[in-house]
Amino acid sequence: MTPRATALAFRAVALAEACSWVGLLFGMFVKWVLGTSERGVQIFGPIHGGIFIAYVVLAVVAARVLRWEPRTTLLALAASVPPLATLWFDRWATRTGRLPLPEPVPTS
């Protein structure tokens, strides 16, 4: 994989992981606070679990392809645990040059 393709895949999965967190948190709110249904947890639990695993795998792949130092890799992995932290890591890694920006699309 090229560095830009790796960065694009990493960004997509980081966003998906954050969105699945929101869905799971909403499902837990409905289940535990409102006490009306477990459906949200039943739906978003497995979705979030699968995307979480994909994020961890892609973080390791990105660390190798983008030649991240161990500290950056550990931050990427740690960002998978708190809700929405993958978005923070994405912005930080982009701002510090650890995650390349996508190629601009030419306009005609």
PDB file of N, CA and C in Angstrom:
ATOM      1  N   MET A   1       0.837  -1.189   0.000  1.00  0.00           N
ATOM      2  CA  MET A   1       0.000   0.000   0.000  1.00  0.00           C
ATOM      3  C   MET A   1       0.877   1.246   0.000  1.00  0.00           C
ATOM      4  N   THR A   2       0.440   2.234  -0.723  1.00  0.00           N
ATOM      5  CA  THR A   2       1.163   3.499  -0.737  1.00  0.00           C
ATOM      6  C   THR A   2       0.837   4.283   0.533  1.00  0.00           C
ATOM      7  N   PRO A   3       1.707   5.214   0.929  1.00  0.00           N
ATOM      8  CA  PRO A   3       1.406   6.012   2.122  1.00  0.00           C
ATOM      9  C   PRO A   3       0.082   6.769   2.019  1.00  0.00           C
ATOM     10  N   ARG A   4      -0.214   7.317   0.857  1.00  0.00           N
ATOM     11  CA  ARG A   4      -1.479   8.074   0.722  1.00  0.00           C
ATOM     12  C   ARG A   4      -2.698   7.162   0.798  1.00  0.00           C
ATOM     13  N   ALA A   5      -2.608   5.976   0.187  1.00  0.00           N
ATOM     14  CA  ALA A   5      -3.725   5.021   0.266  1.00  0.00           C
ATOM     15  C   ALA A   5      -3.915   4.544   1.708  1.00  0.00           C
ATOM     16  N   THR A   6      -2.816   4.314   2.389  1.00  0.00           N
ATOM     17  CA  THR A   6      -2.886   3.901   3.793  1.00  0.00           C
ATOM     18  C   THR A   6      -3.532   4.992   4.640  1.00  0.00           C
ATOM     19  N   ALA A   7      -3.118   6.227   4.425  1.00  0.00           N
ATOM     20  CA  ALA A   7      -3.681   7.353   5.179  1.00  0.00           C
ATOM     21  C   ALA A   7      -5.172   7.500   4.901  1.00  0.00           C
ATOM     22  N   LEU A   8      -5.581   7.343   3.644  1.00  0.00           N
ATOM     23  CA  LEU A   8      -6.996   7.452   3.280  1.00  0.00           C
ATOM     24  C   LEU A   8      -7.808   6.356   3.965  1.00  0.00           C
ATOM     25  N   ALA A   9      -7.318   5.121   3.937  1.00  0.00           N
ATOM     26  CA  ALA A   9      -8.022   4.015   4.588  1.00  0.00           C
ATOM     27  C   ALA A   9      -8.077   4.237   6.099  1.00  0.00           C
ATOM     28  N   PHE A  10      -6.978   4.705   6.674  1.00  0.00           N
ATOM     29  CA  PHE A  10      -6.938   4.958   8.109  1.00  0.00           C
ATOM     30  C   PHE A  10      -7.954   6.027   8.497  1.00  0.00           C
ATOM     31  N   ARG A  11      -8.014   7.103   7.724  1.00  0.00           N
ATOM     32  CA  ARG A  11      -8.974   8.179   8.011  1.00  0.00           C
ATOM     33  C   ARG A  11     -10.413   7.680   7.930  1.00  0.00           C
ATOM     34  N   ALA A  12     -10.702   6.879   6.916  1.00  0.00           N
ATOM     35  CA  ALA A  12     -12.069   6.366   6.746  1.00  0.00           C
ATOM     36  C   ALA A  12     -12.470   5.486   7.926  1.00  0.00           C
ATOM     37  N   VAL A  13     -11.566   4.616   8.351  1.00  0.00           N
ATOM     38  CA  VAL A  13     -11.887   3.726   9.465  1.00  0.00           C
ATOM     39  C   VAL A  13     -11.935   4.502  10.784  1.00  0.00           C
ATOM     40  N   ALA A  14     -11.094   5.527  10.948  1.00  0.00           N
ATOM     41  CA  ALA A  14     -11.137   6.353  12.160  1.00  0.00           C
ATOM     42  C   ALA A  14     -12.492   7.059  12.263  1.00  0.00           C
ATOM     43  N   LEU A  15     -13.000   7.562  11.146  1.00  0.00           N
ATOM     44  CA  LEU A  15     -14.310   8.213  11.136  1.00  0.00           C
ATOM     45  C   LEU A  15     -15.413   7.199  11.413  1.00  0.00           C
ATOM     46  N   ALA A  16     -15.329   6.041  10.779  1.00  0.00           N
ATOM     47  CA  ALA A  16     -16.336   4.997  11.001  1.00  0.00           C
ATOM     48  C   ALA A  16     -16.330   4.543  12.458  1.00  0.00           C
ATOM     49  N   GLU A  17     -15.153   4.437  13.055  1.00  0.00           N
ATOM     50  CA  GLU A  17     -15.051   4.018  14.454  1.00  0.00           C
ATOM     51  C   GLU A  17     -15.723   5.049  15.368  1.00  0.00           C
ATOM     52  N   ALA A  18     -15.506   6.324  15.094  1.00  0.00           N
ATOM     53  CA  ALA A  18     -16.145   7.379  15.885  1.00  0.00           C
ATOM     54  C   ALA A  18     -17.669   7.343  15.714  1.00  0.00           C
ATOM     55  N   CYS A  19     -18.126   7.163  14.499  1.00  0.00           N
ATOM     56  CA  CYS A  19     -19.577   7.104  14.251  1.00  0.00           C
ATOM     57  C   CYS A  19     -20.205   5.893  14.934  1.00  0.00           C
ATOM     58  N   SER A  20     -19.514   4.763  14.898  1.00  0.00           N
ATOM     59  CA  SER A  20     -20.057   3.575  15.559  1.00  0.00           C
ATOM     60  C   SER A  20     -20.087   3.761  17.078  1.00  0.00           C
ATOM     61  N   TRP A  21     -19.133   4.532  17.617  1.00  0.00           N
ATOM     62  CA  TRP A  21     -19.157   4.859  19.046  1.00  0.00           C
ATOM     63  C   TRP A  21     -20.424   5.646  19.368  1.00  0.00           C
ATOM     64  N   VAL A  22     -20.740   6.632  18.526  1.00  0.00           N
ATOM     65  CA  VAL A  22     -21.941   7.449  18.761  1.00  0.00           C
ATOM     66  C   VAL A  22     -23.183   6.561  18.752  1.00  0.00           C
ATOM     67  N   GLY A  23     -23.265   5.662  17.775  1.00  0.00           N
ATOM     68  CA  GLY A  23     -24.406   4.744  17.724  1.00  0.00           C
ATOM     69  C   GLY A  23     -24.486   3.857  18.954  1.00  0.00           C
ATOM     70  N   LEU A  24     -23.351   3.331  19.388  1.00  0.00           N
ATOM     71  CA  LEU A  24     -23.337   2.474  20.568  1.00  0.00           C
ATOM     72  C   LEU A  24     -23.693   3.265  21.832  1.00  0.00           C
ATOM     73  N   LEU A  25     -23.161   4.468  21.964  1.00  0.00           N
ATOM     74  CA  LEU A  25     -23.504   5.293  23.123  1.00  0.00           C
ATOM     75  C   LEU A  25     -25.004   5.613  23.158  1.00  0.00           C
ATOM     76  N   PHE A  26     -25.580   5.895  21.991  1.00  0.00           N
ATOM     77  CA  PHE A  26     -27.019   6.144  21.911  1.00  0.00           C
ATOM     78  C   PHE A  26     -27.790   4.892  22.317  1.00  0.00           C
ATOM     79  N   GLY A  27     -27.342   3.739  21.815  1.00  0.00           N
ATOM     80  CA  GLY A  27     -27.991   2.483  22.177  1.00  0.00           C
ATOM     81  C   GLY A  27     -27.914   2.206  23.665  1.00  0.00           C
ATOM     82  N   MET A  28     -26.770   2.511  24.273  1.00  0.00           N
ATOM     83  CA  MET A  28     -26.622   2.311  25.722  1.00  0.00           C
ATOM     84  C   MET A  28     -27.494   3.285  26.499  1.00  0.00           C
ATOM     85  N   PHE A  29     -27.644   4.512  25.993  1.00  0.00           N
ATOM     86  CA  PHE A  29     -28.518   5.486  26.639  1.00  0.00           C
ATOM     87  C   PHE A  29     -29.966   4.975  26.643  1.00  0.00           C
ATOM     88  N   VAL A  30     -30.401   4.490  25.493  1.00  0.00           N
ATOM     89  CA  VAL A  30     -31.770   3.987  25.392  1.00  0.00           C
ATOM     90  C   VAL A  30     -31.963   2.775  26.306  1.00  0.00           C
ATOM     91  N   LYS A  31     -30.965   1.895  26.345  1.00  0.00           N
ATOM     92  CA  LYS A  31     -31.083   0.689  27.168  1.00  0.00           C
ATOM     93  C   LYS A  31     -31.034   0.993  28.660  1.00  0.00           C
ATOM     94  N   TRP A  32     -30.042   1.764  29.101  1.00  0.00           N
ATOM     95  CA  TRP A  32     -29.803   1.919  30.526  1.00  0.00           C
ATOM     96  C   TRP A  32     -30.499   3.130  31.151  1.00  0.00           C
ATOM     97  N   VAL A  33     -30.666   4.211  30.416  1.00  0.00           N
ATOM     98  CA  VAL A  33     -31.300   5.403  30.993  1.00  0.00           C
ATOM     99  C   VAL A  33     -32.811   5.378  30.755  1.00  0.00           C
ATOM    100  N   LEU A  34     -33.192   5.191  29.488  1.00  0.00           N
ATOM    101  CA  LEU A  34     -34.624   5.162  29.191  1.00  0.00           C
ATOM    102  C   LEU A  34     -35.246   3.810  29.531  1.00  0.00           C
ATOM    103  N   GLY A  35     -34.424   2.758  29.450  1.00  0.00           N
ATOM    104  CA  GLY A  35     -34.897   1.419  29.778  1.00  0.00           C
ATOM    105  C   GLY A  35     -35.966   0.891  28.858  1.00  0.00           C
ATOM    106  N   THR A  36     -35.953   1.336  27.613  1.00  0.00           N
ATOM    107  CA  THR A  36     -37.023   0.940  26.707  1.00  0.00           C
ATOM    108  C   THR A  36     -36.647  -0.174  25.746  1.00  0.00           C
ATOM    109  N   SER A  37     -35.369  -0.264  25.332  1.00  0.00           N
ATOM    110  CA  SER A  37     -35.018  -1.260  24.317  1.00  0.00           C
ATOM    111  C   SER A  37     -33.524  -1.563  24.353  1.00  0.00           C
ATOM    112  N   GLU A  38     -33.203  -2.791  24.021  1.00  0.00           N
ATOM    113  CA  GLU A  38     -31.807  -3.196  23.885  1.00  0.00           C
ATOM    114  C   GLU A  38     -31.377  -3.218  22.423  1.00  0.00           C
ATOM    115  N   ARG A  39     -32.266  -2.875  21.517  1.00  0.00           N
ATOM    116  CA  ARG A  39     -32.017  -2.998  20.078  1.00  0.00           C
ATOM    117  C   ARG A  39     -30.779  -2.217  19.631  1.00  0.00           C
ATOM    118  N   GLY A  40     -30.589  -1.000  20.130  1.00  0.00           N
ATOM    119  CA  GLY A  40     -29.436  -0.194  19.714  1.00  0.00           C
ATOM    120  C   GLY A  40     -28.120  -0.848  20.076  1.00  0.00           C
ATOM    121  N   VAL A  41     -28.045  -1.432  21.261  1.00  0.00           N
ATOM    122  CA  VAL A  41     -26.830  -2.120  21.681  1.00  0.00           C
ATOM    123  C   VAL A  41     -26.636  -3.385  20.851  1.00  0.00           C
ATOM    124  N   GLN A  42     -27.724  -4.090  20.576  1.00  0.00           N
ATOM    125  CA  GLN A  42     -27.635  -5.308  19.765  1.00  0.00           C
ATOM    126  C   GLN A  42     -27.161  -5.018  18.344  1.00  0.00           C
ATOM    127  N   ILE A  43     -27.528  -3.860  17.828  1.00  0.00           N
ATOM    128  CA  ILE A  43     -27.124  -3.490  16.462  1.00  0.00           C
ATOM    129  C   ILE A  43     -25.728  -2.885  16.457  1.00  0.00           C
ATOM    130  N   PHE A  44     -25.518  -1.855  17.278  1.00  0.00           N
ATOM    131  CA  PHE A  44     -24.255  -1.117  17.214  1.00  0.00           C
ATOM    132  C   PHE A  44     -23.099  -1.790  17.947  1.00  0.00           C
ATOM    133  N   GLY A  45     -23.388  -2.696  18.879  1.00  0.00           N
ATOM    134  CA  GLY A  45     -22.321  -3.403  19.580  1.00  0.00           C
ATOM    135  C   GLY A  45     -21.422  -4.190  18.621  1.00  0.00           C
ATOM    136  N   PRO A  46     -21.984  -5.092  17.820  1.00  0.00           N
ATOM    137  CA  PRO A  46     -21.149  -5.838  16.870  1.00  0.00           C
ATOM    138  C   PRO A  46     -20.539  -4.964  15.773  1.00  0.00           C
ATOM    139  N   ILE A  47     -21.285  -3.954  15.340  1.00  0.00           N
ATOM    140  CA  ILE A  47     -20.738  -3.044  14.315  1.00  0.00           C
ATOM    141  C   ILE A  47     -19.513  -2.333  14.874  1.00  0.00           C
ATOM    142  N   HIS A  48     -19.651  -1.777  16.072  1.00  0.00           N
ATOM    143  CA  HIS A  48     -18.528  -1.077  16.689  1.00  0.00           C
ATOM    144  C   HIS A  48     -17.357  -2.037  16.932  1.00  0.00           C
ATOM    145  N   GLY A  49     -17.641  -3.237  17.374  1.00  0.00           N
ATOM    146  CA  GLY A  49     -16.584  -4.215  17.610  1.00  0.00           C
ATOM    147  C   GLY A  49     -15.786  -4.523  16.348  1.00  0.00           C
ATOM    148  N   GLY A  50     -16.481  -4.711  15.238  1.00  0.00           N
ATOM    149  CA  GLY A  50     -15.809  -4.994  13.971  1.00  0.00           C
ATOM    150  C   GLY A  50     -14.979  -3.822  13.487  1.00  0.00           C
ATOM    151  N   ILE A  51     -15.532  -2.623  13.588  1.00  0.00           N
ATOM    152  CA  ILE A  51     -14.797  -1.432  13.149  1.00  0.00           C
ATOM    153  C   ILE A  51     -13.623  -1.157  14.080  1.00  0.00           C
ATOM    154  N   PHE A  52     -13.789  -1.415  15.365  1.00  0.00           N
ATOM    155  CA  PHE A  52     -12.700  -1.271  16.325  1.00  0.00           C
ATOM    156  C   PHE A  52     -11.517  -2.158  15.930  1.00  0.00           C
ATOM    157  N   ILE A  53     -11.795  -3.404  15.608  1.00  0.00           N
ATOM    158  CA  ILE A  53     -10.731  -4.321  15.191  1.00  0.00           C
ATOM    159  C   ILE A  53     -10.076  -3.830  13.901  1.00  0.00           C
ATOM    160  N   ALA A  54     -10.882  -3.366  12.946  1.00  0.00           N
ATOM    161  CA  ALA A  54     -10.322  -2.833  11.692  1.00  0.00           C
ATOM    162  C   ALA A  54      -9.427  -1.630  11.967  1.00  0.00           C
ATOM    163  N   TYR A  55      -9.838  -0.759  12.892  1.00  0.00           N
ATOM    164  CA  TYR A  55      -9.030   0.413  13.240  1.00  0.00           C
ATOM    165  C   TYR A  55      -7.690  -0.011  13.830  1.00  0.00           C
ATOM    166  N   VAL A  56      -7.707  -0.963  14.745  1.00  0.00           N
ATOM    167  CA  VAL A  56      -6.458  -1.424  15.370  1.00  0.00           C
ATOM    168  C   VAL A  56      -5.529  -2.021  14.313  1.00  0.00           C
ATOM    169  N   VAL A  57      -6.073  -2.849  13.434  1.00  0.00           N
ATOM    170  CA  VAL A  57      -5.254  -3.451  12.360  1.00  0.00           C
ATOM    171  C   VAL A  57      -4.688  -2.354  11.459  1.00  0.00           C
ATOM    172  N   LEU A  58      -5.529  -1.403  11.057  1.00  0.00           N
ATOM    173  CA  LEU A  58      -5.051  -0.327  10.182  1.00  0.00           C
ATOM    174  C   LEU A  58      -4.051   0.583  10.883  1.00  0.00           C
ATOM    175  N   ALA A  59      -4.182   0.754  12.182  1.00  0.00           N
ATOM    176  CA  ALA A  59      -3.195   1.552  12.925  1.00  0.00           C
ATOM    177  C   ALA A  59      -1.834   0.877  12.867  1.00  0.00           C
ATOM    178  N   VAL A  60      -1.800  -0.429  13.003  1.00  0.00           N
ATOM    179  CA  VAL A  60      -0.535  -1.166  12.926  1.00  0.00           C
ATOM    180  C   VAL A  60       0.032  -1.111  11.508  1.00  0.00           C
ATOM    181  N   VAL A  61      -0.836  -1.275  10.503  1.00  0.00           N
ATOM    182  CA  VAL A  61      -0.389  -1.174   9.109  1.00  0.00           C
ATOM    183  C   VAL A  61       0.137   0.228   8.823  1.00  0.00           C
ATOM    184  N   ALA A  62      -0.596   1.251   9.267  1.00  0.00           N
ATOM    185  CA  ALA A  62      -0.165   2.635   9.053  1.00  0.00           C
ATOM    186  C   ALA A  62       1.166   2.897   9.739  1.00  0.00           C
ATOM    187  N   ALA A  63       1.353   2.346  10.918  1.00  0.00           N
ATOM    188  CA  ALA A  63       2.619   2.534  11.637  1.00  0.00           C
ATOM    189  C   ALA A  63       3.793   1.997  10.823  1.00  0.00           C
ATOM    190  N   ARG A  64       3.584   0.877  10.165  1.00  0.00           N
ATOM    191  CA  ARG A  64       4.663   0.298   9.348  1.00  0.00           C
ATOM    192  C   ARG A  64       4.853   1.077   8.048  1.00  0.00           C
ATOM    193  N   VAL A  65       3.759   1.344   7.340  1.00  0.00           N
ATOM    194  CA  VAL A  65       3.852   2.008   6.034  1.00  0.00           C
ATOM    195  C   VAL A  65       4.325   3.449   6.178  1.00  0.00           C
ATOM    196  N   LEU A  66       3.810   4.149   7.177  1.00  0.00           N
ATOM    197  CA  LEU A  66       4.143   5.563   7.363  1.00  0.00           C
ATOM    198  C   LEU A  66       5.346   5.770   8.276  1.00  0.00           C
ATOM    199  N   ARG A  67       5.907   4.676   8.758  1.00  0.00           N
ATOM    200  CA  ARG A  67       7.105   4.695   9.607  1.00  0.00           C
ATOM    201  C   ARG A  67       6.920   5.579  10.852  1.00  0.00           C
ATOM    202  N   TRP A  68       5.811   5.311  11.549  1.00  0.00           N
ATOM    203  CA  TRP A  68       5.557   6.039  12.776  1.00  0.00           C
ATOM    204  C   TRP A  68       6.529   5.586  13.858  1.00  0.00           C
ATOM    205  N   GLU A  69       6.876   6.507  14.731  1.00  0.00           N
ATOM    206  CA  GLU A  69       7.673   6.137  15.897  1.00  0.00           C
ATOM    207  C   GLU A  69       6.743   5.420  16.887  1.00  0.00           C
ATOM    208  N   PRO A  70       7.301   4.662  17.829  1.00  0.00           N
ATOM    209  CA  PRO A  70       6.459   3.906  18.763  1.00  0.00           C
ATOM    210  C   PRO A  70       5.449   4.770  19.525  1.00  0.00           C
ATOM    211  N   ARG A  71       5.829   5.992  19.891  1.00  0.00           N
ATOM    212  CA  ARG A  71       4.908   6.877  20.621  1.00  0.00           C
ATOM    213  C   ARG A  71       3.659   7.177  19.794  1.00  0.00           C
ATOM    214  N   THR A  72       3.844   7.449  18.516  1.00  0.00           N
ATOM    215  CA  THR A  72       2.709   7.738  17.632  1.00  0.00           C
ATOM    216  C   THR A  72       1.818   6.512  17.500  1.00  0.00           C
ATOM    217  N   THR A  73       2.435   5.349  17.349  1.00  0.00           N
ATOM    218  CA  THR A  73       1.667   4.112  17.236  1.00  0.00           C
ATOM    219  C   THR A  73       0.854   3.867  18.503  1.00  0.00           C
ATOM    220  N   LEU A  74       1.468   4.052  19.648  1.00  0.00           N
ATOM    221  CA  LEU A  74       0.748   3.863  20.911  1.00  0.00           C
ATOM    222  C   LEU A  74      -0.400   4.860  21.060  1.00  0.00           C
ATOM    223  N   LEU A  75      -0.190   6.104  20.624  1.00  0.00           N
ATOM    224  CA  LEU A  75      -1.277   7.088  20.667  1.00  0.00           C
ATOM    225  C   LEU A  75      -2.432   6.676  19.758  1.00  0.00           C
ATOM    226  N   ALA A  76      -2.109   6.182  18.567  1.00  0.00           N
ATOM    227  CA  ALA A  76      -3.151   5.733  17.639  1.00  0.00           C
ATOM    228  C   ALA A  76      -3.946   4.590  18.248  1.00  0.00           C
ATOM    229  N   LEU A  77      -3.248   3.645  18.866  1.00  0.00           N
ATOM    230  CA  LEU A  77      -3.929   2.510  19.483  1.00  0.00           C
ATOM    231  C   LEU A  77      -4.739   2.948  20.699  1.00  0.00           C
ATOM    232  N   ALA A  78      -4.194   3.828  21.508  1.00  0.00           N
ATOM    233  CA  ALA A  78      -4.912   4.316  22.692  1.00  0.00           C
ATOM    234  C   ALA A  78      -6.147   5.122  22.289  1.00  0.00           C
ATOM    235  N   ALA A  79      -6.093   5.781  21.146  1.00  0.00           N
ATOM    236  CA  ALA A  79      -7.228   6.589  20.684  1.00  0.00           C
ATOM    237  C   ALA A  79      -8.438   5.730  20.331  1.00  0.00           C
ATOM    238  N   SER A  80      -8.242   4.429  20.182  1.00  0.00           N
ATOM    239  CA  SER A  80      -9.369   3.562  19.849  1.00  0.00           C
ATOM    240  C   SER A  80     -10.276   3.299  21.049  1.00  0.00           C
ATOM    241  N   VAL A  81      -9.824   3.629  22.250  1.00  0.00           N
ATOM    242  CA  VAL A  81     -10.592   3.283  23.448  1.00  0.00           C
ATOM    243  C   VAL A  81     -11.614   4.360  23.837  1.00  0.00           C
ATOM    244  N   PRO A  82     -11.212   5.624  24.065  1.00  0.00           N
ATOM    245  CA  PRO A  82     -12.229   6.622  24.450  1.00  0.00           C
ATOM    246  C   PRO A  82     -13.117   7.000  23.255  1.00  0.00           C
ATOM    247  N   PRO A  83     -14.380   7.286  23.520  1.00  0.00           N
ATOM    248  CA  PRO A  83     -15.268   7.693  22.421  1.00  0.00           C
ATOM    249  C   PRO A  83     -14.741   8.924  21.679  1.00  0.00           C
ATOM    250  N   LEU A  84     -14.763   8.851  20.374  1.00  0.00           N
ATOM    251  CA  LEU A  84     -14.420   9.925  19.438  1.00  0.00           C
ATOM    252  C   LEU A  84     -12.945  10.323  19.445  1.00  0.00           C
ATOM    253  N   ALA A  85     -12.094   9.636  20.178  1.00  0.00           N
ATOM    254  CA  ALA A  85     -10.673   9.990  20.230  1.00  0.00           C
ATOM    255  C   ALA A  85      -9.954   9.698  18.915  1.00  0.00           C
ATOM    256  N   THR A  86     -10.501   8.814  18.092  1.00  0.00           N
ATOM    257  CA  THR A  86      -9.866   8.549  16.797  1.00  0.00           C
ATOM    258  C   THR A  86      -9.896   9.802  15.910  1.00  0.00           C
ATOM    259  N   LEU A  87     -10.938  10.617  16.070  1.00  0.00           N
ATOM    260  CA  LEU A  87     -11.002  11.870  15.302  1.00  0.00           C
ATOM    261  C   LEU A  87      -9.923  12.836  15.775  1.00  0.00           C
ATOM    262  N   TRP A  88      -9.714  12.904  17.087  1.00  0.00           N
ATOM    263  CA  TRP A  88      -8.640  13.739  17.629  1.00  0.00           C
ATOM    264  C   TRP A  88      -7.289  13.270  17.100  1.00  0.00           C
ATOM    265  N   PHE A  89      -7.044  11.961  17.127  1.00  0.00           N
ATOM    266  CA  PHE A  89      -5.762  11.447  16.655  1.00  0.00           C
ATOM    267  C   PHE A  89      -5.574  11.771  15.179  1.00  0.00           C
ATOM    268  N   ASP A  90      -6.601  11.609  14.374  1.00  0.00           N
ATOM    269  CA  ASP A  90      -6.522  11.911  12.941  1.00  0.00           C
ATOM    270  C   ASP A  90      -6.097  13.366  12.727  1.00  0.00           C
ATOM    271  N   ARG A  91      -6.742  14.293  13.417  1.00  0.00           N
ATOM    272  CA  ARG A  91      -6.402  15.723  13.271  1.00  0.00           C
ATOM    273  C   ARG A  91      -4.980  16.006  13.746  1.00  0.00           C
ATOM    274  N   TRP A  92      -4.607  15.427  14.885  1.00  0.00           N
ATOM    275  CA  TRP A  92      -3.254  15.636  15.423  1.00  0.00           C
ATOM    276  C   TRP A  92      -2.201  15.066  14.481  1.00  0.00           C
ATOM    277  N   ALA A  93      -2.415  13.853  13.990  1.00  0.00           N
ATOM    278  CA  ALA A  93      -1.442  13.212  13.102  1.00  0.00           C
ATOM    279  C   ALA A  93      -1.327  13.960  11.777  1.00  0.00           C
ATOM    280  N   THR A  94      -2.420  14.506  11.288  1.00  0.00           N
ATOM    281  CA  THR A  94      -2.377  15.301  10.054  1.00  0.00           C
ATOM    282  C   THR A  94      -1.633  16.606  10.290  1.00  0.00           C
ATOM    283  N   ARG A  95      -1.962  17.283  11.374  1.00  0.00           N
ATOM    284  CA  ARG A  95      -1.333  18.571  11.693  1.00  0.00           C
ATOM    285  C   ARG A  95       0.170  18.439  11.905  1.00  0.00           C
ATOM    286  N   THR A  96       0.612  17.329  12.476  1.00  0.00           N
ATOM    287  CA  THR A  96       2.035  17.137  12.765  1.00  0.00           C
ATOM    288  C   THR A  96       2.787  16.420  11.646  1.00  0.00           C
ATOM    289  N   GLY A  97       2.112  16.149  10.533  1.00  0.00           N
ATOM    290  CA  GLY A  97       2.778  15.537   9.383  1.00  0.00           C
ATOM    291  C   GLY A  97       2.939  14.031   9.460  1.00  0.00           C
ATOM    292  N   ARG A  98       2.321  13.396  10.422  1.00  0.00           N
ATOM    293  CA  ARG A  98       2.430  11.945  10.559  1.00  0.00           C
ATOM    294  C   ARG A  98       1.441  11.201   9.667  1.00  0.00           C
ATOM    295  N   LEU A  99       0.424  11.890   9.207  1.00  0.00           N
ATOM    296  CA  LEU A  99      -0.599  11.317   8.337  1.00  0.00           C
ATOM    297  C   LEU A  99      -0.704  12.214   7.113  1.00  0.00           C
ATOM    298  N   PRO A 100      -0.265  11.715   5.936  1.00  0.00           N
ATOM    299  CA  PRO A 100      -0.257  12.585   4.753  1.00  0.00           C
ATOM    300  C   PRO A 100      -1.660  13.010   4.326  1.00  0.00           C
ATOM    301  N   LEU A 101      -1.721  14.194   3.772  1.00  0.00           N
ATOM    302  CA  LEU A 101      -2.974  14.728   3.242  1.00  0.00           C
ATOM    303  C   LEU A 101      -3.287  14.038   1.919  1.00  0.00           C
ATOM    304  N   PRO A 102      -4.591  13.900   1.584  1.00  0.00           N
ATOM    305  CA  PRO A 102      -4.944  13.319   0.292  1.00  0.00           C
ATOM    306  C   PRO A 102      -4.534  14.249  -0.852  1.00  0.00           C
ATOM    307  N   GLU A 103      -4.328  13.648  -2.007  1.00  0.00           N
ATOM    308  CA  GLU A 103      -4.006  14.432  -3.200  1.00  0.00           C
ATOM    309  C   GLU A 103      -5.187  15.323  -3.558  1.00  0.00           C
ATOM    310  N   PRO A 104      -4.926  16.588  -3.897  1.00  0.00           N
ATOM    311  CA  PRO A 104      -6.032  17.455  -4.337  1.00  0.00           C
ATOM    312  C   PRO A 104      -6.573  16.967  -5.686  1.00  0.00           C
ATOM    313  N   VAL A 105      -7.889  17.071  -5.830  1.00  0.00           N
ATOM    314  CA  VAL A 105      -8.521  16.679  -7.083  1.00  0.00           C
ATOM    315  C   VAL A 105      -8.503  17.872  -8.017  1.00  0.00           C
ATOM    316  N   PRO A 106      -7.943  17.682  -9.238  1.00  0.00           N
ATOM    317  CA  PRO A 106      -7.904  18.823 -10.173  1.00  0.00           C
ATOM    318  C   PRO A 106      -9.312  19.184 -10.648  1.00  0.00           C
ATOM    319  N   THR A 107      -9.545  20.463 -10.784  1.00  0.00           N
ATOM    320  CA  THR A 107     -10.823  20.931 -11.314  1.00  0.00           C
ATOM    321  C   THR A 107     -10.622  21.364 -12.765  1.00  0.00           C
ATOM    322  N   SER A 108     -11.648  21.176 -13.555  1.00  0.00           N
ATOM    323  CA  SER A 108     -11.503  21.547 -14.971  1.00  0.00           C
ATOM    324  C   SER A 108     -12.196  22.827 -15.300  1.00  0.00           C
TER     325      SER A 108
END
